[in-house]
Amino acid sequence: MMHELRIYHCVPGKLPELHARFANVTLKLFAKHGIRPVGFWTVLVGGSNQDLYYLLEWQDMAEREQRWNAFTADPEWLAKRAESEKNGPLLASIDSSFLAPTAYSAMR
């Protein structure tokens, strides 16, 4: 089991639109493609309050590649993403890290 930490750095003022896209579009498409989100977070104190952090769970890198590629190529996702960005992009940049648990981690 592995986890992917994704950090979306929003264009200033666009975080509410990103939240709406996840709530109304992205999570449904994640479910359609078997993508398993663990949780979503924003910053209360420290760092930027224009960032969305979320964690995805994968069996291995092969599963990640298959499911993520299917999601990103889904015509419904492409259309909904384009519609959500008709007034400009929501994201300034994305960071992605693949995490492996330590021997003493409660989450494996």
N, C-alpha and C. Protein backbone atom coordinates (compact mmCIF):
# COMPACT_ATOMS: atom_id res chain seq x y z
N MET A 1 0.84 -1.17 0.00
CA MET A 1 0.00 0.00 0.00
C MET A 1 0.89 1.24 0.00
N MET A 2 0.48 2.23 -0.78
CA MET A 2 1.20 3.50 -0.77
C MET A 2 0.19 4.63 -0.84
N HIS A 3 0.67 5.82 -0.48
CA HIS A 3 -0.18 7.00 -0.51
C HIS A 3 0.47 8.08 -1.36
N GLU A 4 -0.39 8.84 -2.01
CA GLU A 4 0.07 9.98 -2.80
C GLU A 4 -0.46 11.25 -2.15
N LEU A 5 0.45 12.13 -1.81
CA LEU A 5 0.08 13.44 -1.28
C LEU A 5 0.10 14.42 -2.43
N ARG A 6 -1.04 15.04 -2.68
CA ARG A 6 -1.15 16.04 -3.75
C ARG A 6 -1.46 17.38 -3.10
N ILE A 7 -0.73 18.40 -3.52
CA ILE A 7 -0.94 19.75 -3.01
C ILE A 7 -1.26 20.64 -4.20
N TYR A 8 -2.45 21.22 -4.17
CA TYR A 8 -2.89 22.11 -5.23
C TYR A 8 -2.74 23.54 -4.75
N HIS A 9 -1.88 24.29 -5.41
CA HIS A 9 -1.65 25.69 -5.10
C HIS A 9 -2.57 26.50 -6.01
N CYS A 10 -3.59 27.09 -5.41
CA CYS A 10 -4.60 27.79 -6.20
C CYS A 10 -4.15 29.17 -6.63
N VAL A 11 -4.70 29.60 -7.74
CA VAL A 11 -4.61 30.99 -8.15
C VAL A 11 -5.34 31.76 -7.04
N PRO A 12 -4.79 32.90 -6.57
CA PRO A 12 -5.44 33.63 -5.48
C PRO A 12 -6.93 33.87 -5.75
N GLY A 13 -7.73 33.54 -4.75
CA GLY A 13 -9.17 33.72 -4.83
C GLY A 13 -9.94 32.57 -5.45
N LYS A 14 -9.25 31.55 -5.95
CA LYS A 14 -9.92 30.45 -6.67
C LYS A 14 -10.17 29.20 -5.81
N LEU A 15 -9.72 29.20 -4.56
CA LEU A 15 -9.90 28.01 -3.72
C LEU A 15 -11.39 27.64 -3.57
N PRO A 16 -12.32 28.58 -3.36
CA PRO A 16 -13.73 28.17 -3.27
C PRO A 16 -14.22 27.46 -4.54
N GLU A 17 -13.76 27.88 -5.70
CA GLU A 17 -14.16 27.22 -6.94
C GLU A 17 -13.57 25.82 -7.02
N LEU A 18 -12.34 25.64 -6.52
CA LEU A 18 -11.73 24.31 -6.51
C LEU A 18 -12.50 23.39 -5.56
N HIS A 19 -12.87 23.90 -4.38
CA HIS A 19 -13.69 23.10 -3.46
C HIS A 19 -14.99 22.66 -4.13
N ALA A 20 -15.64 23.57 -4.83
CA ALA A 20 -16.91 23.25 -5.51
C ALA A 20 -16.69 22.19 -6.57
N ARG A 21 -15.58 22.29 -7.32
CA ARG A 21 -15.31 21.29 -8.36
C ARG A 21 -15.10 19.91 -7.74
N PHE A 22 -14.35 19.84 -6.64
CA PHE A 22 -14.16 18.54 -5.98
C PHE A 22 -15.49 17.99 -5.48
N ALA A 23 -16.26 18.82 -4.80
CA ALA A 23 -17.52 18.37 -4.20
C ALA A 23 -18.55 17.93 -5.24
N ASN A 24 -18.61 18.64 -6.35
CA ASN A 24 -19.68 18.41 -7.33
C ASN A 24 -19.28 17.56 -8.53
N VAL A 25 -17.98 17.44 -8.79
CA VAL A 25 -17.53 16.74 -10.01
C VAL A 25 -16.45 15.70 -9.71
N THR A 26 -15.35 16.15 -9.17
CA THR A 26 -14.16 15.30 -9.08
C THR A 26 -14.38 14.05 -8.25
N LEU A 27 -15.02 14.17 -7.08
CA LEU A 27 -15.19 12.99 -6.23
C LEU A 27 -16.04 11.92 -6.90
N LYS A 28 -17.05 12.32 -7.65
CA LYS A 28 -17.87 11.34 -8.38
C LYS A 28 -17.03 10.62 -9.44
N LEU A 29 -16.17 11.36 -10.12
CA LEU A 29 -15.33 10.73 -11.13
C LEU A 29 -14.23 9.88 -10.50
N PHE A 30 -13.71 10.30 -9.34
CA PHE A 30 -12.77 9.45 -8.62
C PHE A 30 -13.44 8.11 -8.34
N ALA A 31 -14.67 8.13 -7.82
CA ALA A 31 -15.37 6.89 -7.51
C ALA A 31 -15.57 6.04 -8.77
N LYS A 32 -15.94 6.66 -9.86
CA LYS A 32 -16.13 5.95 -11.14
C LYS A 32 -14.87 5.20 -11.55
N HIS A 33 -13.70 5.80 -11.29
CA HIS A 33 -12.43 5.21 -11.72
C HIS A 33 -11.71 4.43 -10.61
N GLY A 34 -12.38 4.25 -9.46
CA GLY A 34 -11.79 3.46 -8.38
C GLY A 34 -10.66 4.16 -7.65
N ILE A 35 -10.63 5.48 -7.71
CA ILE A 35 -9.60 6.25 -6.99
C ILE A 35 -10.09 6.46 -5.57
N ARG A 36 -9.22 6.13 -4.59
CA ARG A 36 -9.60 6.14 -3.19
C ARG A 36 -8.97 7.32 -2.43
N PRO A 37 -9.74 8.40 -2.24
CA PRO A 37 -9.22 9.50 -1.43
C PRO A 37 -9.28 9.14 0.06
N VAL A 38 -8.24 9.52 0.79
CA VAL A 38 -8.18 9.28 2.24
C VAL A 38 -8.69 10.50 2.99
N GLY A 39 -8.33 11.70 2.52
CA GLY A 39 -8.77 12.92 3.18
C GLY A 39 -8.32 14.15 2.42
N PHE A 40 -8.93 15.27 2.79
CA PHE A 40 -8.65 16.57 2.18
C PHE A 40 -8.45 17.59 3.29
N TRP A 41 -7.50 18.50 3.10
CA TRP A 41 -7.19 19.49 4.11
C TRP A 41 -6.87 20.84 3.49
N THR A 42 -7.16 21.88 4.25
CA THR A 42 -6.68 23.23 3.94
C THR A 42 -5.89 23.71 5.15
N VAL A 43 -5.15 24.78 4.98
CA VAL A 43 -4.27 25.29 6.03
C VAL A 43 -5.03 26.27 6.92
N LEU A 44 -5.02 26.00 8.22
CA LEU A 44 -5.60 26.94 9.18
C LEU A 44 -4.57 27.96 9.65
N VAL A 45 -3.36 27.46 9.96
CA VAL A 45 -2.28 28.31 10.45
C VAL A 45 -1.00 27.87 9.75
N GLY A 46 -0.25 28.82 9.20
CA GLY A 46 1.01 28.52 8.55
C GLY A 46 0.83 28.30 7.06
N GLY A 47 1.87 28.51 6.32
CA GLY A 47 1.82 28.29 4.88
C GLY A 47 0.76 29.13 4.20
N SER A 48 0.32 28.69 3.06
CA SER A 48 -0.67 29.43 2.27
C SER A 48 -2.07 28.94 2.54
N ASN A 49 -2.99 29.87 2.70
CA ASN A 49 -4.39 29.49 2.86
C ASN A 49 -5.07 29.35 1.50
N GLN A 50 -4.30 29.30 0.43
CA GLN A 50 -4.81 29.09 -0.92
C GLN A 50 -4.43 27.71 -1.46
N ASP A 51 -4.09 26.80 -0.55
CA ASP A 51 -3.66 25.46 -0.95
C ASP A 51 -4.67 24.42 -0.49
N LEU A 52 -4.83 23.38 -1.29
CA LEU A 52 -5.62 22.21 -0.93
C LEU A 52 -4.68 21.02 -0.90
N TYR A 53 -4.66 20.33 0.22
CA TYR A 53 -3.87 19.11 0.39
C TYR A 53 -4.82 17.93 0.37
N TYR A 54 -4.45 16.87 -0.35
CA TYR A 54 -5.25 15.66 -0.24
C TYR A 54 -4.37 14.43 -0.44
N LEU A 55 -4.88 13.31 0.11
CA LEU A 55 -4.15 12.06 0.14
C LEU A 55 -4.97 11.00 -0.57
N LEU A 56 -4.31 10.28 -1.48
CA LEU A 56 -4.93 9.17 -2.20
C LEU A 56 -4.23 7.88 -1.80
N GLU A 57 -4.99 6.79 -1.78
CA GLU A 57 -4.44 5.48 -1.42
C GLU A 57 -4.37 4.60 -2.66
N TRP A 58 -3.22 3.96 -2.85
CA TRP A 58 -3.00 3.08 -4.01
C TRP A 58 -2.41 1.75 -3.53
N GLN A 59 -2.72 0.68 -4.26
CA GLN A 59 -2.09 -0.61 -3.99
C GLN A 59 -0.60 -0.55 -4.36
N ASP A 60 -0.32 0.04 -5.51
CA ASP A 60 1.04 0.14 -6.01
C ASP A 60 1.06 1.16 -7.15
N MET A 61 2.22 1.41 -7.71
CA MET A 61 2.35 2.41 -8.77
C MET A 61 1.61 2.00 -10.04
N ALA A 62 1.54 0.71 -10.31
CA ALA A 62 0.82 0.25 -11.51
C ALA A 62 -0.66 0.59 -11.41
N GLU A 63 -1.26 0.35 -10.24
CA GLU A 63 -2.66 0.71 -10.06
C GLU A 63 -2.83 2.21 -10.23
N ARG A 64 -1.94 2.98 -9.65
CA ARG A 64 -2.03 4.44 -9.74
C ARG A 64 -2.01 4.89 -11.19
N GLU A 65 -1.07 4.38 -11.96
CA GLU A 65 -0.93 4.79 -13.35
C GLU A 65 -2.18 4.44 -14.15
N GLN A 66 -2.70 3.23 -13.97
CA GLN A 66 -3.87 2.80 -14.72
C GLN A 66 -5.08 3.66 -14.38
N ARG A 67 -5.37 3.81 -13.09
CA ARG A 67 -6.58 4.53 -12.67
C ARG A 67 -6.46 6.04 -12.92
N TRP A 68 -5.30 6.61 -12.61
CA TRP A 68 -5.13 8.06 -12.80
C TRP A 68 -5.18 8.43 -14.28
N ASN A 69 -4.54 7.62 -15.11
CA ASN A 69 -4.57 7.90 -16.55
C ASN A 69 -5.97 7.80 -17.12
N ALA A 70 -6.75 6.82 -16.64
CA ALA A 70 -8.14 6.70 -17.10
C ALA A 70 -8.96 7.91 -16.66
N PHE A 71 -8.76 8.35 -15.42
CA PHE A 71 -9.46 9.53 -14.92
C PHE A 71 -9.12 10.78 -15.74
N THR A 72 -7.83 11.02 -15.94
CA THR A 72 -7.43 12.26 -16.62
C THR A 72 -7.81 12.27 -18.10
N ALA A 73 -8.07 11.11 -18.67
CA ALA A 73 -8.49 11.04 -20.08
C ALA A 73 -10.01 10.95 -20.23
N ASP A 74 -10.73 10.86 -19.14
CA ASP A 74 -12.19 10.71 -19.18
C ASP A 74 -12.82 11.96 -19.84
N PRO A 75 -13.59 11.79 -20.90
CA PRO A 75 -14.20 12.93 -21.58
C PRO A 75 -15.08 13.79 -20.65
N GLU A 76 -15.75 13.15 -19.69
CA GLU A 76 -16.57 13.92 -18.76
C GLU A 76 -15.69 14.82 -17.90
N TRP A 77 -14.56 14.30 -17.41
CA TRP A 77 -13.64 15.11 -16.62
C TRP A 77 -13.09 16.27 -17.45
N LEU A 78 -12.67 15.97 -18.67
CA LEU A 78 -12.10 17.02 -19.52
C LEU A 78 -13.11 18.14 -19.77
N ALA A 79 -14.37 17.79 -20.00
CA ALA A 79 -15.40 18.80 -20.24
C ALA A 79 -15.71 19.59 -18.98
N LYS A 80 -15.85 18.91 -17.84
CA LYS A 80 -16.18 19.59 -16.58
C LYS A 80 -15.02 20.47 -16.11
N ARG A 81 -13.79 19.99 -16.30
CA ARG A 81 -12.64 20.81 -15.92
C ARG A 81 -12.59 22.07 -16.77
N ALA A 82 -12.79 21.92 -18.08
CA ALA A 82 -12.78 23.08 -18.97
C ALA A 82 -13.89 24.06 -18.58
N GLU A 83 -15.06 23.54 -18.27
CA GLU A 83 -16.18 24.40 -17.86
C GLU A 83 -15.85 25.15 -16.58
N SER A 84 -15.21 24.48 -15.62
CA SER A 84 -14.87 25.12 -14.34
C SER A 84 -13.76 26.17 -14.49
N GLU A 85 -13.04 26.11 -15.61
CA GLU A 85 -11.93 27.05 -15.83
C GLU A 85 -12.23 28.04 -16.95
N LYS A 86 -13.51 28.23 -17.27
CA LYS A 86 -13.86 29.14 -18.36
C LYS A 86 -13.46 30.58 -18.07
N ASN A 87 -13.32 30.94 -16.78
CA ASN A 87 -12.88 32.29 -16.39
C ASN A 87 -11.42 32.32 -15.97
N GLY A 88 -10.68 31.30 -16.37
CA GLY A 88 -9.26 31.22 -16.04
C GLY A 88 -8.96 30.00 -15.19
N PRO A 89 -7.69 29.61 -15.14
CA PRO A 89 -7.30 28.42 -14.39
C PRO A 89 -7.53 28.58 -12.90
N LEU A 90 -7.80 27.46 -12.24
CA LEU A 90 -7.96 27.46 -10.78
C LEU A 90 -6.64 27.22 -10.08
N LEU A 91 -5.72 26.52 -10.76
CA LEU A 91 -4.46 26.11 -10.12
C LEU A 91 -3.27 26.84 -10.70
N ALA A 92 -2.41 27.30 -9.79
CA ALA A 92 -1.14 27.89 -10.20
C ALA A 92 -0.09 26.79 -10.41
N SER A 93 -0.14 25.76 -9.54
CA SER A 93 0.79 24.64 -9.65
C SER A 93 0.30 23.48 -8.79
N ILE A 94 0.89 22.30 -9.04
CA ILE A 94 0.56 21.08 -8.32
C ILE A 94 1.86 20.42 -7.87
N ASP A 95 1.88 19.97 -6.62
CA ASP A 95 2.97 19.14 -6.12
C ASP A 95 2.39 17.76 -5.82
N SER A 96 3.15 16.73 -6.15
CA SER A 96 2.72 15.36 -5.89
C SER A 96 3.90 14.57 -5.33
N SER A 97 3.66 13.89 -4.21
CA SER A 97 4.68 13.05 -3.58
C SER A 97 4.09 11.68 -3.28
N PHE A 98 4.88 10.64 -3.45
CA PHE A 98 4.45 9.29 -3.14
C PHE A 98 5.12 8.90 -1.82
N LEU A 99 4.29 8.49 -0.87
CA LEU A 99 4.76 8.26 0.49
C LEU A 99 4.70 6.77 0.84
N ALA A 100 5.70 6.32 1.56
CA ALA A 100 5.73 4.95 2.09
C ALA A 100 5.74 5.05 3.62
N PRO A 101 4.94 4.22 4.30
CA PRO A 101 4.88 4.30 5.75
C PRO A 101 6.18 3.80 6.39
N THR A 102 6.49 4.38 7.52
CA THR A 102 7.62 3.90 8.32
C THR A 102 7.18 2.66 9.09
N ALA A 103 8.12 1.96 9.67
CA ALA A 103 7.82 0.75 10.44
C ALA A 103 6.96 1.05 11.66
N TYR A 104 6.99 2.28 12.15
CA TYR A 104 6.24 2.65 13.34
C TYR A 104 4.99 3.47 13.06
N SER A 105 4.61 3.55 11.81
CA SER A 105 3.43 4.32 11.43
C SER A 105 2.15 3.56 11.75
N ALA A 106 1.18 4.27 12.32
CA ALA A 106 -0.14 3.67 12.59
C ALA A 106 -0.90 3.44 11.28
N MET A 107 -0.66 4.29 10.31
CA MET A 107 -1.32 4.16 9.00
C MET A 107 -0.39 3.38 8.08
N ARG A 108 -0.86 2.29 7.56
CA ARG A 108 -0.04 1.48 6.66
C ARG A 108 -0.77 1.35 5.38
